[in-house]
Amino acid sequence: PDPDGDEKLGEGGKKALTTERDARKAAEQKVKDLEKQLED
């Protein structure tokens, strides 16, 4: 299986999935920053 599961998606689906992944990475980074601020 495709590790990303992008094989069955069209061009628009791949673009939306990439946008969602980038948003998730940004959110995880923001959570880490907030946890560090909380500890500080």
Full PDB file with SEQRES, HELIX, SHEET, SSBOND, CRYST1, ORIGX, SCALE, CONECT and MASTER records, all heavy atoms in Angstrom:
SEQRES   1 A   40  PRO ASP PRO ASP GLY ASP GLU LYS LEU GLY GLU GLY GLY          
SEQRES   2 A   40  LYS LYS ALA LEU THR THR GLU ARG ASP ALA ARG LYS ALA          
SEQRES   3 A   40  ALA GLU GLN LYS VAL LYS ASP LEU GLU LYS GLN LEU GLU          
SEQRES   4 A   40  ASP                                                          
HELIX    1 AA1 GLU A   11  GLU A   39  1                                  29    
CRYST1    1.000    1.000    1.000  90.00  90.00  90.00 P 1           1          
ORIGX1      1.000000  0.000000  0.000000        0.00000                         
ORIGX2      0.000000  1.000000  0.000000        0.00000                         
ORIGX3      0.000000  0.000000  1.000000        0.00000                         
SCALE1      1.000000  0.000000  0.000000        0.00000                         
SCALE2      0.000000  1.000000  0.000000        0.00000                         
SCALE3      0.000000  0.000000  1.000000        0.00000                         
ATOM      1  N   PRO A   1       0.835  -1.203   0.000  1.00  0.00           N  
ATOM      2  CA  PRO A   1       0.000   0.000   0.000  1.00  0.00           C  
ATOM      3  C   PRO A   1       0.866   1.248   0.000  1.00  0.00           C  
ATOM      4  O   PRO A   1       1.967   1.257   0.519  1.00  0.00           O  
ATOM      5  CB  PRO A   1      -0.800  -0.118   1.296  1.00  0.00           C  
ATOM      6  CG  PRO A   1       0.030  -0.980   2.176  1.00  0.00           C  
ATOM      7  CD  PRO A   1       0.785  -1.913   1.266  1.00  0.00           C  
ATOM      8  N   ASP A   2       0.329   2.273  -0.594  1.00  0.00           N  
ATOM      9  CA  ASP A   2       1.014   3.550  -0.610  1.00  0.00           C  
ATOM     10  C   ASP A   2       1.043   4.075   0.827  1.00  0.00           C  
ATOM     11  O   ASP A   2       0.020   4.119   1.500  1.00  0.00           O  
ATOM     12  CB  ASP A   2       0.249   4.514  -1.523  1.00  0.00           C  
ATOM     13  CG  ASP A   2       1.011   5.802  -1.774  1.00  0.00           C  
ATOM     14  OD1 ASP A   2       2.223   5.819  -1.492  1.00  0.00           O  
ATOM     15  OD2 ASP A   2       0.399   6.761  -2.256  1.00  0.00           O  
ATOM     16  N   PRO A   3       2.242   4.446   1.340  1.00  0.00           N  
ATOM     17  CA  PRO A   3       2.309   4.867   2.737  1.00  0.00           C  
ATOM     18  C   PRO A   3       1.432   6.070   3.051  1.00  0.00           C  
ATOM     19  O   PRO A   3       0.952   6.224   4.162  1.00  0.00           O  
ATOM     20  CB  PRO A   3       3.781   5.196   2.950  1.00  0.00           C  
ATOM     21  CG  PRO A   3       4.359   5.365   1.602  1.00  0.00           C  
ATOM     22  CD  PRO A   3       3.508   4.560   0.655  1.00  0.00           C  
ATOM     23  N   ASP A   4       1.221   6.914   2.091  1.00  0.00           N  
ATOM     24  CA  ASP A   4       0.406   8.093   2.338  1.00  0.00           C  
ATOM     25  C   ASP A   4      -1.049   7.874   1.946  1.00  0.00           C  
ATOM     26  O   ASP A   4      -1.913   8.638   2.345  1.00  0.00           O  
ATOM     27  CB  ASP A   4       0.951   9.292   1.556  1.00  0.00           C  
ATOM     28  CG  ASP A   4       2.348   9.659   1.998  1.00  0.00           C  
ATOM     29  OD1 ASP A   4       2.661   9.397   3.164  1.00  0.00           O  
ATOM     30  OD2 ASP A   4       3.103  10.192   1.179  1.00  0.00           O  
ATOM     31  N   GLY A   5      -1.320   6.863   1.158  1.00  0.00           N  
ATOM     32  CA  GLY A   5      -2.679   6.635   0.703  1.00  0.00           C  
ATOM     33  C   GLY A   5      -3.105   7.655  -0.338  1.00  0.00           C  
ATOM     34  O   GLY A   5      -4.277   7.881  -0.561  1.00  0.00           O  
ATOM     35  N   ASP A   6      -2.149   8.272  -1.013  1.00  0.00           N  
ATOM     36  CA  ASP A   6      -2.444   9.329  -1.977  1.00  0.00           C  
ATOM     37  C   ASP A   6      -2.758   8.774  -3.361  1.00  0.00           C  
ATOM     38  O   ASP A   6      -3.181   9.516  -4.235  1.00  0.00           O  
ATOM     39  CB  ASP A   6      -1.248  10.277  -2.115  1.00  0.00           C  
ATOM     40  CG  ASP A   6      -0.929  10.990  -0.824  1.00  0.00           C  
ATOM     41  OD1 ASP A   6      -1.760  10.921   0.098  1.00  0.00           O  
ATOM     42  OD2 ASP A   6       0.146  11.600  -0.736  1.00  0.00           O  
ATOM     43  N   GLU A   7      -2.513   7.488  -3.560  1.00  0.00           N  
ATOM     44  CA  GLU A   7      -2.627   6.913  -4.903  1.00  0.00           C  
ATOM     45  C   GLU A   7      -4.023   7.061  -5.480  1.00  0.00           C  
ATOM     46  O   GLU A   7      -4.186   7.326  -6.656  1.00  0.00           O  
ATOM     47  CB  GLU A   7      -2.233   5.429  -4.845  1.00  0.00           C  
ATOM     48  CG  GLU A   7      -2.026   4.802  -6.182  1.00  0.00           C  
ATOM     49  CD  GLU A   7      -0.835   5.374  -6.935  1.00  0.00           C  
ATOM     50  OE1 GLU A   7       0.134   5.799  -6.297  1.00  0.00           O  
ATOM     51  OE2 GLU A   7      -0.919   5.413  -8.162  1.00  0.00           O  
ATOM     52  N   LYS A   8      -5.052   6.903  -4.675  1.00  0.00           N  
ATOM     53  CA  LYS A   8      -6.423   6.921  -5.171  1.00  0.00           C  
ATOM     54  C   LYS A   8      -7.006   8.325  -5.246  1.00  0.00           C  
ATOM     55  O   LYS A   8      -8.083   8.515  -5.781  1.00  0.00           O  
ATOM     56  CB  LYS A   8      -7.306   6.054  -4.270  1.00  0.00           C  
ATOM     57  CG  LYS A   8      -6.868   4.606  -4.259  1.00  0.00           C  
ATOM     58  CD  LYS A   8      -7.660   3.794  -3.275  1.00  0.00           C  
ATOM     59  CE  LYS A   8      -7.112   2.390  -3.178  1.00  0.00           C  
ATOM     60  NZ  LYS A   8      -7.710   1.620  -2.124  1.00  0.00           N  
ATOM     61  N   LEU A   9      -6.298   9.299  -4.711  1.00  0.00           N  
ATOM     62  CA  LEU A   9      -6.808  10.666  -4.701  1.00  0.00           C  
ATOM     63  C   LEU A   9      -6.499  11.360  -6.010  1.00  0.00           C  
ATOM     64  O   LEU A   9      -5.509  11.081  -6.674  1.00  0.00           O  
ATOM     65  CB  LEU A   9      -6.169  11.454  -3.555  1.00  0.00           C  
ATOM     66  CG  LEU A   9      -6.427  10.940  -2.147  1.00  0.00           C  
ATOM     67  CD1 LEU A   9      -5.656  11.767  -1.158  1.00  0.00           C  
ATOM     68  CD2 LEU A   9      -7.904  10.970  -1.833  1.00  0.00           C  
ATOM     69  N   GLY A  10      -7.332  12.278  -6.356  1.00  0.00           N  
ATOM     70  CA  GLY A  10      -7.073  13.096  -7.537  1.00  0.00           C  
ATOM     71  C   GLY A  10      -6.144  14.236  -7.167  1.00  0.00           C  
ATOM     72  O   GLY A  10      -5.623  14.322  -6.045  1.00  0.00           O  
ATOM     73  N   GLU A  11      -5.938  15.127  -8.109  1.00  0.00           N  
ATOM     74  CA  GLU A  11      -5.045  16.260  -7.877  1.00  0.00           C  
ATOM     75  C   GLU A  11      -5.560  17.162  -6.754  1.00  0.00           C  
ATOM     76  O   GLU A  11      -4.802  17.593  -5.891  1.00  0.00           O  
ATOM     77  CB  GLU A  11      -4.894  17.064  -9.181  1.00  0.00           C  
ATOM     78  CG  GLU A  11      -3.724  18.004  -9.196  1.00  0.00           C  
ATOM     79  CD  GLU A  11      -2.395  17.280  -9.116  1.00  0.00           C  
ATOM     80  OE1 GLU A  11      -2.250  16.160  -9.638  1.00  0.00           O  
ATOM     81  OE2 GLU A  11      -1.480  17.847  -8.489  1.00  0.00           O  
ATOM     82  N   GLY A  12      -6.847  17.413  -6.727  1.00  0.00           N  
ATOM     83  CA  GLY A  12      -7.427  18.254  -5.676  1.00  0.00           C  
ATOM     84  C   GLY A  12      -7.342  17.586  -4.310  1.00  0.00           C  
ATOM     85  O   GLY A  12      -7.082  18.235  -3.297  1.00  0.00           O  
ATOM     86  N   GLY A  13      -7.555  16.270  -4.283  1.00  0.00           N  
ATOM     87  CA  GLY A  13      -7.469  15.535  -3.015  1.00  0.00           C  
ATOM     88  C   GLY A  13      -6.060  15.534  -2.460  1.00  0.00           C  
ATOM     89  O   GLY A  13      -5.849  15.662  -1.257  1.00  0.00           O  
ATOM     90  N   LYS A  14      -5.081  15.371  -3.347  1.00  0.00           N  
ATOM     91  CA  LYS A  14      -3.688  15.398  -2.899  1.00  0.00           C  
ATOM     92  C   LYS A  14      -3.329  16.767  -2.329  1.00  0.00           C  
ATOM     93  O   LYS A  14      -2.648  16.869  -1.321  1.00  0.00           O  
ATOM     94  CB  LYS A  14      -2.762  15.064  -4.066  1.00  0.00           C  
ATOM     95  CG  LYS A  14      -2.790  13.613  -4.470  1.00  0.00           C  
ATOM     96  CD  LYS A  14      -1.844  13.364  -5.625  1.00  0.00           C  
ATOM     97  CE  LYS A  14      -1.925  11.915  -6.095  1.00  0.00           C  
ATOM     98  NZ  LYS A  14      -1.025  11.659  -7.226  1.00  0.00           N  
ATOM     99  N   LYS A  15      -3.823  17.808  -2.983  1.00  0.00           N  
ATOM    100  CA  LYS A  15      -3.533  19.173  -2.512  1.00  0.00           C  
ATOM    101  C   LYS A  15      -4.169  19.416  -1.140  1.00  0.00           C  
ATOM    102  O   LYS A  15      -3.536  19.979  -0.243  1.00  0.00           O  
ATOM    103  CB  LYS A  15      -4.061  20.186  -3.531  1.00  0.00           C  
ATOM    104  CG  LYS A  15      -3.674  21.604  -3.227  1.00  0.00           C  
ATOM    105  CD  LYS A  15      -4.132  22.536  -4.325  1.00  0.00           C  
ATOM    106  CE  LYS A  15      -3.758  23.969  -4.016  1.00  0.00           C  
ATOM    107  NZ  LYS A  15      -4.261  24.889  -5.041  1.00  0.00           N  
ATOM    108  N   ALA A  16      -5.414  18.959  -0.976  1.00  0.00           N  
ATOM    109  CA  ALA A  16      -6.098  19.124   0.307  1.00  0.00           C  
ATOM    110  C   ALA A  16      -5.396  18.322   1.401  1.00  0.00           C  
ATOM    111  O   ALA A  16      -5.251  18.789   2.538  1.00  0.00           O  
ATOM    112  CB  ALA A  16      -7.558  18.695   0.179  1.00  0.00           C  
ATOM    113  N   LEU A  17      -4.947  17.107   1.064  1.00  0.00           N  
ATOM    114  CA  LEU A  17      -4.252  16.271   2.040  1.00  0.00           C  
ATOM    115  C   LEU A  17      -2.931  16.911   2.457  1.00  0.00           C  
ATOM    116  O   LEU A  17      -2.585  16.916   3.648  1.00  0.00           O  
ATOM    117  CB  LEU A  17      -4.010  14.878   1.445  1.00  0.00           C  
ATOM    118  CG  LEU A  17      -3.475  13.831   2.394  1.00  0.00           C  
ATOM    119  CD1 LEU A  17      -4.434  13.620   3.560  1.00  0.00           C  
ATOM    120  CD2 LEU A  17      -3.258  12.526   1.659  1.00  0.00           C  
ATOM    121  N   THR A  18      -2.215  17.475   1.508  1.00  0.00           N  
ATOM    122  CA  THR A  18      -0.955  18.151   1.827  1.00  0.00           C  
ATOM    123  C   THR A  18      -1.205  19.352   2.727  1.00  0.00           C  
ATOM    124  O   THR A  18      -0.471  19.578   3.692  1.00  0.00           O  
ATOM    125  CB  THR A  18      -0.269  18.612   0.523  1.00  0.00           C  
ATOM    126  OG1 THR A  18      -0.079  17.484  -0.320  1.00  0.00           O  
ATOM    127  CG2 THR A  18       1.060  19.258   0.803  1.00  0.00           C  
ATOM    128  N   THR A  19      -2.254  20.094   2.445  1.00  0.00           N  
ATOM    129  CA  THR A  19      -2.604  21.252   3.273  1.00  0.00           C  
ATOM    130  C   THR A  19      -2.933  20.811   4.693  1.00  0.00           C  
ATOM    131  O   THR A  19      -2.489  21.434   5.665  1.00  0.00           O  
ATOM    132  CB  THR A  19      -3.799  22.006   2.654  1.00  0.00           C  
ATOM    133  OG1 THR A  19      -3.484  22.342   1.312  1.00  0.00           O  
ATOM    134  CG2 THR A  19      -4.116  23.258   3.439  1.00  0.00           C  
ATOM    135  N   GLU A  20      -3.690  19.721   4.810  1.00  0.00           N  
ATOM    136  CA  GLU A  20      -4.052  19.206   6.142  1.00  0.00           C  
ATOM    137  C   GLU A  20      -2.818  18.746   6.903  1.00  0.00           C  
ATOM    138  O   GLU A  20      -2.683  18.981   8.103  1.00  0.00           O  
ATOM    139  CB  GLU A  20      -5.045  18.042   6.009  1.00  0.00           C  
ATOM    140  CG  GLU A  20      -6.453  18.466   5.700  1.00  0.00           C  
ATOM    141  CD  GLU A  20      -7.051  19.289   6.828  1.00  0.00           C  
ATOM    142  OE1 GLU A  20      -6.865  18.943   8.011  1.00  0.00           O  
ATOM    143  OE2 GLU A  20      -7.722  20.291   6.521  1.00  0.00           O  
ATOM    144  N   ARG A  21      -1.902  18.073   6.214  1.00  0.00           N  
ATOM    145  CA  ARG A  21      -0.677  17.603   6.877  1.00  0.00           C  
ATOM    146  C   ARG A  21       0.170  18.771   7.363  1.00  0.00           C  
ATOM    147  O   ARG A  21       0.730  18.730   8.463  1.00  0.00           O  
ATOM    148  CB  ARG A  21       0.115  16.722   5.927  1.00  0.00           C  
ATOM    149  CG  ARG A  21      -0.529  15.375   5.724  1.00  0.00           C  
ATOM    150  CD  ARG A  21       0.261  14.523   4.785  1.00  0.00           C  
ATOM    151  NE  ARG A  21      -0.394  13.248   4.588  1.00  0.00           N  
ATOM    152  CZ  ARG A  21      -0.218  12.468   3.549  1.00  0.00           C  
ATOM    153  NH1 ARG A  21       0.618  12.818   2.606  1.00  0.00           N  
ATOM    154  NH2 ARG A  21      -0.861  11.319   3.444  1.00  0.00           N  
ATOM    155  N   ASP A  22       0.304  19.787   6.537  1.00  0.00           N  
ATOM    156  CA  ASP A  22       1.064  20.968   6.943  1.00  0.00           C  
ATOM    157  C   ASP A  22       0.421  21.656   8.144  1.00  0.00           C  
ATOM    158  O   ASP A  22       1.118  22.086   9.072  1.00  0.00           O  
ATOM    159  CB  ASP A  22       1.181  21.957   5.777  1.00  0.00           C  
ATOM    160  CG  ASP A  22       2.060  21.425   4.651  1.00  0.00           C  
ATOM    161  OD1 ASP A  22       2.845  20.483   4.906  1.00  0.00           O  
ATOM    162  OD2 ASP A  22       1.955  21.958   3.530  1.00  0.00           O  
ATOM    163  N   ALA A  23      -0.908  21.735   8.134  1.00  0.00           N  
ATOM    164  CA  ALA A  23      -1.621  22.346   9.258  1.00  0.00           C  
ATOM    165  C   ALA A  23      -1.415  21.524  10.530  1.00  0.00           C  
ATOM    166  O   ALA A  23      -1.251  22.082  11.623  1.00  0.00           O  
ATOM    167  CB  ALA A  23      -3.109  22.458   8.939  1.00  0.00           C  
ATOM    168  N   ARG A  24      -1.406  20.202  10.386  1.00  0.00           N  
ATOM    169  CA  ARG A  24      -1.200  19.344  11.557  1.00  0.00           C  
ATOM    170  C   ARG A  24       0.202  19.530  12.124  1.00  0.00           C  
ATOM    171  O   ARG A  24       0.380  19.626  13.345  1.00  0.00           O  
ATOM    172  CB  ARG A  24      -1.414  17.884  11.177  1.00  0.00           C  
ATOM    173  CG  ARG A  24      -1.215  16.967  12.357  1.00  0.00           C  
ATOM    174  CD  ARG A  24      -1.453  15.541  12.014  1.00  0.00           C  
ATOM    175  NE  ARG A  24      -1.168  14.711  13.174  1.00  0.00           N  
ATOM    176  CZ  ARG A  24      -1.113  13.411  13.146  1.00  0.00           C  
ATOM    177  NH1 ARG A  24      -1.335  12.768  12.028  1.00  0.00           N  
ATOM    178  NH2 ARG A  24      -0.842  12.740  14.229  1.00  0.00           N  
ATOM    179  N   LYS A  25       1.210  19.607  11.251  1.00  0.00           N  
ATOM    180  CA  LYS A  25       2.578  19.828  11.729  1.00  0.00           C  
ATOM    181  C   LYS A  25       2.687  21.159  12.459  1.00  0.00           C  
ATOM    182  O   LYS A  25       3.332  21.255  13.504  1.00  0.00           O  
ATOM    183  CB  LYS A  25       3.554  19.793  10.551  1.00  0.00           C  
ATOM    184  CG  LYS A  25       3.819  18.411  10.016  1.00  0.00           C  
ATOM    185  CD  LYS A  25       4.776  18.463   8.838  1.00  0.00           C  
ATOM    186  CE  LYS A  25       4.926  17.097   8.195  1.00  0.00           C  
ATOM    187  NZ  LYS A  25       5.789  17.140   7.003  1.00  0.00           N  
ATOM    188  N   ALA A  26       2.063  22.176  11.906  1.00  0.00           N  
ATOM    189  CA  ALA A  26       2.097  23.493  12.544  1.00  0.00           C  
ATOM    190  C   ALA A  26       1.402  23.453  13.901  1.00  0.00           C  
ATOM    191  O   ALA A  26       1.877  24.044  14.883  1.00  0.00           O  
ATOM    192  CB  ALA A  26       1.441  24.532  11.640  1.00  0.00           C  
ATOM    193  N   ALA A  27       0.280  22.727  13.971  1.00  0.00           N  
ATOM    194  CA  ALA A  27      -0.447  22.625  15.237  1.00  0.00           C  
ATOM    195  C   ALA A  27       0.373  21.863  16.276  1.00  0.00           C  
ATOM    196  O   ALA A  27       0.408  22.248  17.456  1.00  0.00           O  
ATOM    197  CB  ALA A  27      -1.793  21.945  15.012  1.00  0.00           C  
ATOM    198  N   GLU A  28       1.042  20.784  15.857  1.00  0.00           N  
ATOM    199  CA  GLU A  28       1.884  20.030  16.795  1.00  0.00           C  
ATOM    200  C   GLU A  28       3.033  20.885  17.307  1.00  0.00           C  
ATOM    201  O   GLU A  28       3.381  20.836  18.489  1.00  0.00           O  
ATOM    202  CB  GLU A  28       2.408  18.770  16.121  1.00  0.00           C  
ATOM    203  CG  GLU A  28       1.353  17.699  15.923  1.00  0.00           C  
ATOM    204  CD  GLU A  28       1.866  16.491  15.150  1.00  0.00           C  
ATOM    205  OE1 GLU A  28       3.018  16.541  14.645  1.00  0.00           O  
ATOM    206  OE2 GLU A  28       1.117  15.512  15.047  1.00  0.00           O  
ATOM    207  N   GLN A  29       3.625  21.686  16.431  1.00  0.00           N  
ATOM    208  CA  GLN A  29       4.704  22.574  16.857  1.00  0.00           C  
ATOM    209  C   GLN A  29       4.192  23.620  17.830  1.00  0.00           C  
ATOM    210  O   GLN A  29       4.849  23.941  18.820  1.00  0.00           O  
ATOM    211  CB  GLN A  29       5.344  23.251  15.626  1.00  0.00           C  
ATOM    212  CG  GLN A  29       6.518  24.132  15.962  1.00  0.00           C  
ATOM    213  CD  GLN A  29       7.666  23.351  16.560  1.00  0.00           C  
ATOM    214  OE1 GLN A  29       7.941  22.229  16.167  1.00  0.00           O  
ATOM    215  NE2 GLN A  29       8.327  23.941  17.530  1.00  0.00           N  
ATOM    216  N   LYS A  30       2.999  24.122  17.576  1.00  0.00           N  
ATOM    217  CA  LYS A  30       2.415  25.116  18.468  1.00  0.00           C  
ATOM    218  C   LYS A  30       2.138  24.505  19.839  1.00  0.00           C  
ATOM    219  O   LYS A  30       2.366  25.146  20.870  1.00  0.00           O  
ATOM    220  CB  LYS A  30       1.124  25.674  17.862  1.00  0.00           C  
ATOM    221  CG  LYS A  30       0.554  26.839  18.618  1.00  0.00           C  
ATOM    222  CD  LYS A  30      -0.632  27.446  17.892  1.00  0.00           C  
ATOM    223  CE  LYS A  30      -1.152  28.650  18.657  1.00  0.00           C  
ATOM    224  NZ  LYS A  30      -2.281  29.273  17.969  1.00  0.00           N  
ATOM    225  N   VAL A  31       1.683  23.241  19.857  1.00  0.00           N  
ATOM    226  CA  VAL A  31       1.434  22.552  21.131  1.00  0.00           C  
ATOM    227  C   VAL A  31       2.737  22.410  21.906  1.00  0.00           C  
ATOM    228  O   VAL A  31       2.783  22.647  23.120  1.00  0.00           O  
ATOM    229  CB  VAL A  31       0.771  21.174  20.882  1.00  0.00           C  
ATOM    230  CG1 VAL A  31       0.803  20.318  22.126  1.00  0.00           C  
ATOM    231  CG2 VAL A  31      -0.658  21.354  20.399  1.00  0.00           C  
ATOM    232  N   LYS A  32       3.812  22.036  21.220  1.00  0.00           N  
ATOM    233  CA  LYS A  32       5.109  21.893  21.895  1.00  0.00           C  
ATOM    234  C   LYS A  32       5.566  23.225  22.476  1.00  0.00           C  
ATOM    235  O   LYS A  32       6.065  23.282  23.594  1.00  0.00           O  
ATOM    236  CB  LYS A  32       6.155  21.365  20.915  1.00  0.00           C  
ATOM    237  CG  LYS A  32       5.989  19.906  20.586  1.00  0.00           C  
ATOM    238  CD  LYS A  32       7.057  19.460  19.609  1.00  0.00           C  
ATOM    239  CE  LYS A  32       6.835  18.021  19.184  1.00  0.00           C  
ATOM    240  NZ  LYS A  32       7.830  17.569  18.199  1.00  0.00           N  
ATOM    241  N   ASP A  33       5.390  24.294  21.700  1.00  0.00           N  
ATOM    242  CA  ASP A  33       5.786  25.621  22.183  1.00  0.00           C  
ATOM    243  C   ASP A  33       4.964  26.027  23.412  1.00  0.00           C  
ATOM    244  O   ASP A  33       5.502  26.566  24.386  1.00  0.00           O  
ATOM    245  CB  ASP A  33       5.618  26.666  21.084  1.00  0.00           C  
ATOM    246  CG  ASP A  33       6.615  26.483  19.948  1.00  0.00           C  
ATOM    247  OD1 ASP A  33       7.638  25.791  20.156  1.00  0.00           O  
ATOM    248  OD2 ASP A  33       6.355  27.038  18.855  1.00  0.00           O  
ATOM    249  N   LEU A  34       3.678  25.757  23.371  1.00  0.00           N  
ATOM    250  CA  LEU A  34       2.822  26.113  24.506  1.00  0.00           C  
ATOM    251  C   LEU A  34       3.161  25.278  25.746  1.00  0.00           C  
ATOM    252  O   LEU A  34       3.131  25.792  26.871  1.00  0.00           O  
ATOM    253  CB  LEU A  34       1.346  25.942  24.131  1.00  0.00           C  
ATOM    254  CG  LEU A  34       0.806  26.965  23.123  1.00  0.00           C  
ATOM    255  CD1 LEU A  34      -0.617  26.600  22.715  1.00  0.00           C  
ATOM    256  CD2 LEU A  34       0.868  28.368  23.691  1.00  0.00           C  
ATOM    257  N   GLU A  35       3.484  23.990  25.544  1.00  0.00           N  
ATOM    258  CA  GLU A  35       3.887  23.160  26.684  1.00  0.00           C  
ATOM    259  C   GLU A  35       5.173  23.694  27.310  1.00  0.00           C  
ATOM    260  O   GLU A  35       5.315  23.712  28.532  1.00  0.00           O  
ATOM    261  CB  GLU A  35       4.074  21.713  26.244  1.00  0.00           C  
ATOM    262  CG  GLU A  35       2.780  20.977  25.976  1.00  0.00           C  
ATOM    263  CD  GLU A  35       3.005  19.580  25.418  1.00  0.00           C  
ATOM    264  OE1 GLU A  35       4.164  19.234  25.059  1.00  0.00           O  
ATOM    265  OE2 GLU A  35       2.027  18.828  25.336  1.00  0.00           O  
ATOM    266  N   LYS A  36       6.104  24.139  26.463  1.00  0.00           N  
ATOM    267  CA  LYS A  36       7.345  24.700  26.984  1.00  0.00           C  
ATOM    268  C   LYS A  36       7.073  25.992  27.742  1.00  0.00           C  
ATOM    269  O   LYS A  36       7.644  26.229  28.815  1.00  0.00           O  
ATOM    270  CB  LYS A  36       8.325  24.959  25.839  1.00  0.00           C  
ATOM    271  CG  LYS A  36       9.676  25.405  26.340  1.00  0.00           C  
ATOM    272  CD  LYS A  36      10.662  25.550  25.212  1.00  0.00           C  
ATOM    273  CE  LYS A  36      11.985  26.001  25.803  1.00  0.00           C  
ATOM    274  NZ  LYS A  36      12.978  26.237  24.798  1.00  0.00           N  
ATOM    275  N   GLN A  37       6.192  26.815  27.213  1.00  0.00           N  
ATOM    276  CA  GLN A  37       5.835  28.053  27.915  1.00  0.00           C  
ATOM    277  C   GLN A  37       5.164  27.750  29.252  1.00  0.00           C  
ATOM    278  O   GLN A  37       5.398  28.444  30.239  1.00  0.00           O  
ATOM    279  CB  GLN A  37       4.905  28.904  27.053  1.00  0.00           C  
ATOM    280  CG  GLN A  37       5.579  29.588  25.904  1.00  0.00           C  
ATOM    281  CD  GLN A  37       4.599  30.401  25.071  1.00  0.00           C  
ATOM    282  OE1 GLN A  37       3.411  30.477  25.360  1.00  0.00           O  
ATOM    283  NE2 GLN A  37       5.118  31.003  23.999  1.00  0.00           N  
ATOM    284  N   LEU A  38       4.362  26.713  29.282  1.00  0.00           N  
ATOM    285  CA  LEU A  38       3.700  26.328  30.523  1.00  0.00           C  
ATOM    286  C   LEU A  38       4.730  25.878  31.555  1.00  0.00           C  
ATOM    287  O   LEU A  38       4.654  26.258  32.726  1.00  0.00           O  
ATOM    288  CB  LEU A  38       2.680  25.209  30.264  1.00  0.00           C  
ATOM    289  CG  LEU A  38       1.895  24.716  31.467  1.00  0.00           C  
ATOM    290  CD1 LEU A  38       1.022  25.840  32.029  1.00  0.00           C  
ATOM    291  CD2 LEU A  38       1.051  23.516  31.096  1.00  0.00           C  
ATOM    292  N   GLU A  39       5.703  25.084  31.117  1.00  0.00           N  
ATOM    293  CA  GLU A  39       6.754  24.653  32.037  1.00  0.00           C  
ATOM    294  C   GLU A  39       7.558  25.850  32.530  1.00  0.00           C  
ATOM    295  O   GLU A  39       7.918  25.926  33.706  1.00  0.00           O  
ATOM    296  CB  GLU A  39       7.684  23.657  31.340  1.00  0.00           C  
ATOM    297  CG  GLU A  39       7.087  22.292  31.131  1.00  0.00           C  
ATOM    298  CD  GLU A  39       8.038  21.373  30.384  1.00  0.00           C  
ATOM    299  OE1 GLU A  39       9.256  21.667  30.318  1.00  0.00           O  
ATOM    300  OE2 GLU A  39       7.562  20.347  29.879  1.00  0.00           O  
ATOM    301  N   ASP A  40       7.849  26.786  31.621  1.00  0.00           N  
ATOM    302  CA  ASP A  40       8.609  27.968  32.003  1.00  0.00           C  
ATOM    303  C   ASP A  40       7.820  28.856  32.961  1.00  0.00           C  
ATOM    304  O   ASP A  40       8.390  29.490  33.848  1.00  0.00           O  
ATOM    305  CB  ASP A  40       9.009  28.784  30.761  1.00  0.00           C  
ATOM    306  CG  ASP A  40      10.105  28.112  29.958  1.00  0.00           C  
ATOM    307  OD1 ASP A  40      10.763  27.191  30.492  1.00  0.00           O  
ATOM    308  OD2 ASP A  40      10.304  28.505  28.782  1.00  0.00           O  
TER     309      ASP A  40                                                      
MASTER        0    0    0    1    0    0    0    6  308    1    0    4          
END                                                                             
